[in-house]
Amino acid sequence: MTFSGRFSEGALTAEARERLARGQRQAAFMQAVKQPLYQEMAAQGLTVTKLAERLGVTKGAVSRALNPDNNIEVFTLFTMAEALGCEWQVSLRRRDNTSDEDERRLRS
């Protein structure tokens, strides 16, 4: 998510800045989720075309799924990992910068 030169982040409302920050976190998350798929493809010497053949889908479908700007269903991630002979290990941890207000909101 980017802004053109016409906009200044400082001119945004607090709500708009939070939406922008959330969008940036979501984009970073999607990239982090998809990176292991790219790494495993490289380790196996697989191209997008070869993975598409394994999955029985088009090259475009795999390219769209691997694009870090696109959302992807969990079942698609699972299927891609299976096609690579892998399994997912998922973890969740609390952000280091969680404020007291965030803590209160989480508890309610």
N, C-alpha and C. Protein backbone atom coordinates (compact mmCIF):
# COMPACT_ATOMS: atom_id res chain seq x y z
N MET A 1 0.85 -1.15 0.00
CA MET A 1 0.00 0.00 0.00
C MET A 1 0.91 1.23 0.00
N THR A 2 0.73 2.10 -0.96
CA THR A 2 1.57 3.29 -1.04
C THR A 2 0.71 4.51 -1.27
N PHE A 3 1.27 5.65 -0.98
CA PHE A 3 0.63 6.92 -1.23
C PHE A 3 1.35 7.62 -2.37
N SER A 4 0.61 8.35 -3.17
CA SER A 4 1.26 9.18 -4.18
C SER A 4 1.86 10.38 -3.47
N GLY A 5 2.69 11.13 -4.15
CA GLY A 5 3.35 12.29 -3.54
C GLY A 5 2.40 13.38 -3.12
N ARG A 6 1.13 13.33 -3.53
CA ARG A 6 0.17 14.39 -3.20
C ARG A 6 -0.29 14.32 -1.75
N PHE A 7 -0.12 13.20 -1.10
CA PHE A 7 -0.65 13.02 0.24
C PHE A 7 0.48 12.99 1.26
N SER A 8 0.17 13.52 2.42
CA SER A 8 1.09 13.47 3.54
C SER A 8 0.45 12.63 4.64
N GLU A 9 1.17 11.67 5.14
CA GLU A 9 0.61 10.81 6.18
C GLU A 9 0.20 11.63 7.40
N GLY A 10 0.94 12.70 7.69
CA GLY A 10 0.62 13.55 8.83
C GLY A 10 -0.71 14.26 8.69
N ALA A 11 -1.19 14.45 7.46
CA ALA A 11 -2.46 15.13 7.22
C ALA A 11 -3.66 14.20 7.42
N LEU A 12 -3.41 12.93 7.65
CA LEU A 12 -4.49 11.96 7.81
C LEU A 12 -5.04 11.99 9.22
N THR A 13 -6.29 11.59 9.35
CA THR A 13 -6.88 11.46 10.68
C THR A 13 -6.23 10.27 11.39
N ALA A 14 -6.39 10.20 12.69
CA ALA A 14 -5.84 9.08 13.45
C ALA A 14 -6.42 7.76 12.96
N GLU A 15 -7.71 7.76 12.62
CA GLU A 15 -8.35 6.54 12.12
C GLU A 15 -7.75 6.12 10.77
N ALA A 16 -7.52 7.08 9.90
CA ALA A 16 -6.93 6.78 8.59
C ALA A 16 -5.49 6.27 8.75
N ARG A 17 -4.75 6.87 9.69
CA ARG A 17 -3.37 6.40 9.93
C ARG A 17 -3.37 4.96 10.46
N GLU A 18 -4.34 4.64 11.32
CA GLU A 18 -4.44 3.28 11.84
C GLU A 18 -4.79 2.29 10.73
N ARG A 19 -5.72 2.68 9.84
CA ARG A 19 -6.06 1.80 8.71
C ARG A 19 -4.85 1.59 7.80
N LEU A 20 -4.08 2.65 7.58
CA LEU A 20 -2.87 2.54 6.77
C LEU A 20 -1.87 1.60 7.44
N ALA A 21 -1.65 1.78 8.74
CA ALA A 21 -0.72 0.92 9.48
C ALA A 21 -1.19 -0.53 9.46
N ARG A 22 -2.49 -0.75 9.61
CA ARG A 22 -3.03 -2.11 9.56
C ARG A 22 -2.81 -2.73 8.19
N GLY A 23 -3.03 -1.95 7.15
CA GLY A 23 -2.80 -2.44 5.79
C GLY A 23 -1.34 -2.81 5.57
N GLN A 24 -0.44 -2.02 6.12
CA GLN A 24 0.99 -2.32 5.99
C GLN A 24 1.34 -3.59 6.75
N ARG A 25 0.75 -3.78 7.94
CA ARG A 25 0.99 -5.01 8.70
C ARG A 25 0.42 -6.23 7.96
N GLN A 26 -0.75 -6.05 7.35
CA GLN A 26 -1.35 -7.16 6.60
C GLN A 26 -0.47 -7.54 5.41
N ALA A 27 0.05 -6.54 4.69
CA ALA A 27 0.91 -6.82 3.54
C ALA A 27 2.18 -7.54 3.98
N ALA A 28 2.76 -7.10 5.10
CA ALA A 28 3.97 -7.75 5.61
C ALA A 28 3.66 -9.18 6.04
N PHE A 29 2.50 -9.39 6.62
CA PHE A 29 2.08 -10.72 7.03
C PHE A 29 1.96 -11.65 5.82
N MET A 30 1.29 -11.18 4.76
CA MET A 30 1.11 -12.01 3.57
C MET A 30 2.46 -12.35 2.94
N GLN A 31 3.37 -11.40 2.94
CA GLN A 31 4.70 -11.69 2.39
C GLN A 31 5.41 -12.72 3.24
N ALA A 32 5.32 -12.60 4.55
CA ALA A 32 5.97 -13.56 5.45
C ALA A 32 5.37 -14.95 5.32
N VAL A 33 4.07 -15.04 5.08
CA VAL A 33 3.41 -16.33 4.93
C VAL A 33 3.85 -17.01 3.63
N LYS A 34 3.98 -16.22 2.58
CA LYS A 34 4.29 -16.78 1.26
C LYS A 34 5.77 -17.04 1.04
N GLN A 35 6.63 -16.38 1.79
CA GLN A 35 8.08 -16.53 1.60
C GLN A 35 8.55 -17.99 1.73
N PRO A 36 8.07 -18.75 2.71
CA PRO A 36 8.51 -20.15 2.78
C PRO A 36 8.15 -20.97 1.54
N LEU A 37 7.03 -20.63 0.91
CA LEU A 37 6.66 -21.33 -0.32
C LEU A 37 7.70 -21.06 -1.41
N TYR A 38 8.07 -19.80 -1.58
CA TYR A 38 9.11 -19.45 -2.55
C TYR A 38 10.43 -20.15 -2.23
N GLN A 39 10.80 -20.16 -0.96
CA GLN A 39 12.05 -20.79 -0.55
C GLN A 39 12.05 -22.28 -0.85
N GLU A 40 10.93 -22.94 -0.58
CA GLU A 40 10.86 -24.38 -0.84
C GLU A 40 10.84 -24.66 -2.33
N MET A 41 10.16 -23.83 -3.09
CA MET A 41 10.17 -23.99 -4.54
C MET A 41 11.60 -23.89 -5.07
N ALA A 42 12.34 -22.90 -4.58
CA ALA A 42 13.73 -22.72 -5.01
C ALA A 42 14.58 -23.93 -4.60
N ALA A 43 14.38 -24.41 -3.38
CA ALA A 43 15.16 -25.57 -2.90
C ALA A 43 14.90 -26.80 -3.76
N GLN A 44 13.68 -26.94 -4.27
CA GLN A 44 13.34 -28.08 -5.11
C GLN A 44 13.57 -27.81 -6.59
N GLY A 45 14.01 -26.59 -6.91
CA GLY A 45 14.23 -26.23 -8.32
C GLY A 45 12.93 -26.14 -9.11
N LEU A 46 11.86 -25.77 -8.43
CA LEU A 46 10.54 -25.69 -9.07
C LEU A 46 10.24 -24.28 -9.55
N THR A 47 9.69 -24.18 -10.72
CA THR A 47 9.18 -22.92 -11.23
C THR A 47 7.69 -22.83 -10.91
N VAL A 48 7.14 -21.65 -11.12
CA VAL A 48 5.70 -21.47 -10.94
C VAL A 48 4.95 -22.42 -11.87
N THR A 49 5.45 -22.59 -13.08
CA THR A 49 4.82 -23.48 -14.05
C THR A 49 4.80 -24.92 -13.55
N LYS A 50 5.91 -25.39 -13.01
CA LYS A 50 5.98 -26.76 -12.51
C LYS A 50 5.06 -26.97 -11.31
N LEU A 51 5.02 -25.98 -10.41
CA LEU A 51 4.12 -26.10 -9.26
C LEU A 51 2.67 -26.11 -9.74
N ALA A 52 2.35 -25.29 -10.72
CA ALA A 52 1.00 -25.28 -11.28
C ALA A 52 0.63 -26.64 -11.85
N GLU A 53 1.58 -27.28 -12.52
CA GLU A 53 1.33 -28.62 -13.06
C GLU A 53 1.03 -29.61 -11.94
N ARG A 54 1.80 -29.53 -10.84
CA ARG A 54 1.56 -30.43 -9.71
C ARG A 54 0.17 -30.22 -9.10
N LEU A 55 -0.24 -28.96 -9.10
CA LEU A 55 -1.52 -28.62 -8.49
C LEU A 55 -2.70 -28.82 -9.44
N GLY A 56 -2.41 -28.94 -10.73
CA GLY A 56 -3.47 -29.07 -11.71
C GLY A 56 -4.22 -27.78 -11.96
N VAL A 57 -3.49 -26.65 -11.84
CA VAL A 57 -4.07 -25.33 -12.08
C VAL A 57 -3.20 -24.58 -13.07
N THR A 58 -3.62 -23.39 -13.43
CA THR A 58 -2.84 -22.60 -14.38
C THR A 58 -1.67 -21.91 -13.69
N LYS A 59 -0.69 -21.55 -14.49
CA LYS A 59 0.45 -20.79 -13.99
C LYS A 59 -0.02 -19.45 -13.40
N GLY A 60 -1.00 -18.84 -14.05
CA GLY A 60 -1.55 -17.57 -13.56
C GLY A 60 -2.16 -17.70 -12.18
N ALA A 61 -2.84 -18.82 -11.94
CA ALA A 61 -3.46 -19.03 -10.62
C ALA A 61 -2.40 -19.11 -9.53
N VAL A 62 -1.30 -19.81 -9.82
CA VAL A 62 -0.21 -19.92 -8.83
C VAL A 62 0.46 -18.56 -8.66
N SER A 63 0.68 -17.85 -9.74
CA SER A 63 1.31 -16.53 -9.65
C SER A 63 0.47 -15.59 -8.81
N ARG A 64 -0.85 -15.60 -9.03
CA ARG A 64 -1.74 -14.74 -8.24
C ARG A 64 -1.70 -15.13 -6.77
N ALA A 65 -1.69 -16.43 -6.50
CA ALA A 65 -1.66 -16.90 -5.11
C ALA A 65 -0.37 -16.50 -4.41
N LEU A 66 0.75 -16.52 -5.14
CA LEU A 66 2.04 -16.20 -4.53
C LEU A 66 2.33 -14.71 -4.48
N ASN A 67 1.55 -13.91 -5.18
CA ASN A 67 1.75 -12.46 -5.17
C ASN A 67 1.51 -11.94 -3.76
N PRO A 68 2.51 -11.28 -3.15
CA PRO A 68 2.34 -10.83 -1.77
C PRO A 68 1.25 -9.78 -1.59
N ASP A 69 0.80 -9.15 -2.67
CA ASP A 69 -0.27 -8.15 -2.56
C ASP A 69 -1.66 -8.77 -2.59
N ASN A 70 -1.74 -10.06 -2.88
CA ASN A 70 -3.04 -10.72 -2.97
C ASN A 70 -3.31 -11.55 -1.72
N ASN A 71 -4.56 -11.54 -1.32
CA ASN A 71 -4.99 -12.38 -0.22
C ASN A 71 -5.01 -13.83 -0.71
N ILE A 72 -4.89 -14.76 0.18
CA ILE A 72 -4.88 -16.17 -0.19
C ILE A 72 -5.63 -16.94 0.88
N GLU A 73 -6.40 -17.92 0.46
CA GLU A 73 -7.14 -18.74 1.43
C GLU A 73 -6.19 -19.72 2.11
N VAL A 74 -6.49 -20.02 3.34
CA VAL A 74 -5.69 -20.96 4.11
C VAL A 74 -5.65 -22.32 3.42
N PHE A 75 -6.76 -22.73 2.85
CA PHE A 75 -6.80 -24.03 2.17
C PHE A 75 -5.87 -24.05 0.96
N THR A 76 -5.71 -22.90 0.29
CA THR A 76 -4.77 -22.81 -0.83
C THR A 76 -3.35 -22.95 -0.32
N LEU A 77 -3.03 -22.31 0.79
CA LEU A 77 -1.70 -22.45 1.39
C LEU A 77 -1.43 -23.91 1.74
N PHE A 78 -2.41 -24.55 2.33
CA PHE A 78 -2.29 -25.95 2.71
C PHE A 78 -2.02 -26.82 1.48
N THR A 79 -2.80 -26.60 0.43
CA THR A 79 -2.67 -27.38 -0.80
C THR A 79 -1.30 -27.17 -1.45
N MET A 80 -0.82 -25.94 -1.45
CA MET A 80 0.49 -25.65 -2.03
C MET A 80 1.59 -26.33 -1.22
N ALA A 81 1.48 -26.29 0.10
CA ALA A 81 2.48 -26.96 0.94
C ALA A 81 2.46 -28.46 0.69
N GLU A 82 1.27 -29.04 0.59
CA GLU A 82 1.15 -30.47 0.30
C GLU A 82 1.83 -30.81 -1.04
N ALA A 83 1.62 -29.98 -2.05
CA ALA A 83 2.21 -30.22 -3.36
C ALA A 83 3.73 -30.13 -3.32
N LEU A 84 4.25 -29.39 -2.34
CA LEU A 84 5.70 -29.28 -2.17
C LEU A 84 6.24 -30.35 -1.22
N GLY A 85 5.36 -31.21 -0.70
CA GLY A 85 5.79 -32.24 0.23
C GLY A 85 6.11 -31.68 1.60
N CYS A 86 5.43 -30.61 1.98
CA CYS A 86 5.70 -29.93 3.24
C CYS A 86 4.44 -29.83 4.08
N GLU A 87 4.62 -29.42 5.32
CA GLU A 87 3.51 -29.13 6.21
C GLU A 87 3.77 -27.78 6.86
N TRP A 88 2.71 -27.12 7.27
CA TRP A 88 2.83 -25.82 7.91
C TRP A 88 3.01 -25.99 9.41
N GLN A 89 3.82 -25.12 9.99
CA GLN A 89 3.92 -24.98 11.43
C GLN A 89 3.54 -23.54 11.73
N VAL A 90 2.47 -23.36 12.46
CA VAL A 90 1.92 -22.03 12.69
C VAL A 90 2.16 -21.64 14.14
N SER A 91 2.53 -20.39 14.34
CA SER A 91 2.68 -19.88 15.71
C SER A 91 2.12 -18.47 15.77
N LEU A 92 1.81 -18.06 16.97
CA LEU A 92 1.26 -16.74 17.22
C LEU A 92 1.95 -16.19 18.45
N ARG A 93 2.38 -14.95 18.38
CA ARG A 93 2.98 -14.33 19.56
C ARG A 93 2.49 -12.91 19.67
N ARG A 94 2.45 -12.41 20.89
CA ARG A 94 2.00 -11.05 21.14
C ARG A 94 3.07 -10.07 20.66
N ARG A 95 2.63 -8.99 20.05
CA ARG A 95 3.56 -7.96 19.59
C ARG A 95 4.29 -7.36 20.79
N ASP A 96 5.52 -7.01 20.58
CA ASP A 96 6.32 -6.39 21.64
C ASP A 96 5.80 -5.01 22.01
N ASN A 97 5.18 -4.33 21.06
CA ASN A 97 4.76 -2.95 21.30
C ASN A 97 3.29 -2.83 21.70
N THR A 98 2.73 -3.86 22.30
CA THR A 98 1.34 -3.82 22.74
C THR A 98 1.23 -2.86 23.91
N SER A 99 0.36 -1.87 23.78
CA SER A 99 0.21 -0.86 24.83
C SER A 99 -0.77 -1.34 25.90
N ASP A 100 -0.83 -0.58 27.01
CA ASP A 100 -1.79 -0.89 28.07
C ASP A 100 -3.21 -0.82 27.55
N GLU A 101 -3.48 0.17 26.68
CA GLU A 101 -4.82 0.31 26.11
C GLU A 101 -5.16 -0.90 25.24
N ASP A 102 -4.18 -1.38 24.46
CA ASP A 102 -4.40 -2.59 23.67
C ASP A 102 -4.73 -3.76 24.57
N GLU A 103 -4.01 -3.89 25.69
CA GLU A 103 -4.26 -4.97 26.65
C GLU A 103 -5.69 -4.91 27.18
N ARG A 104 -6.14 -3.70 27.54
CA ARG A 104 -7.51 -3.55 28.08
C ARG A 104 -8.54 -3.93 27.01
N ARG A 105 -8.31 -3.49 25.78
CA ARG A 105 -9.23 -3.79 24.69
C ARG A 105 -9.28 -5.31 24.43
N LEU A 106 -8.15 -5.98 24.53
CA LEU A 106 -8.11 -7.42 24.32
C LEU A 106 -8.90 -8.18 25.37
N ARG A 107 -8.88 -7.66 26.61
CA ARG A 107 -9.57 -8.33 27.71
C ARG A 107 -11.09 -8.14 27.66
N SER A 108 -11.56 -7.09 27.00
CA SER A 108 -13.01 -6.81 27.00
C SER A 108 -13.73 -7.55 25.92
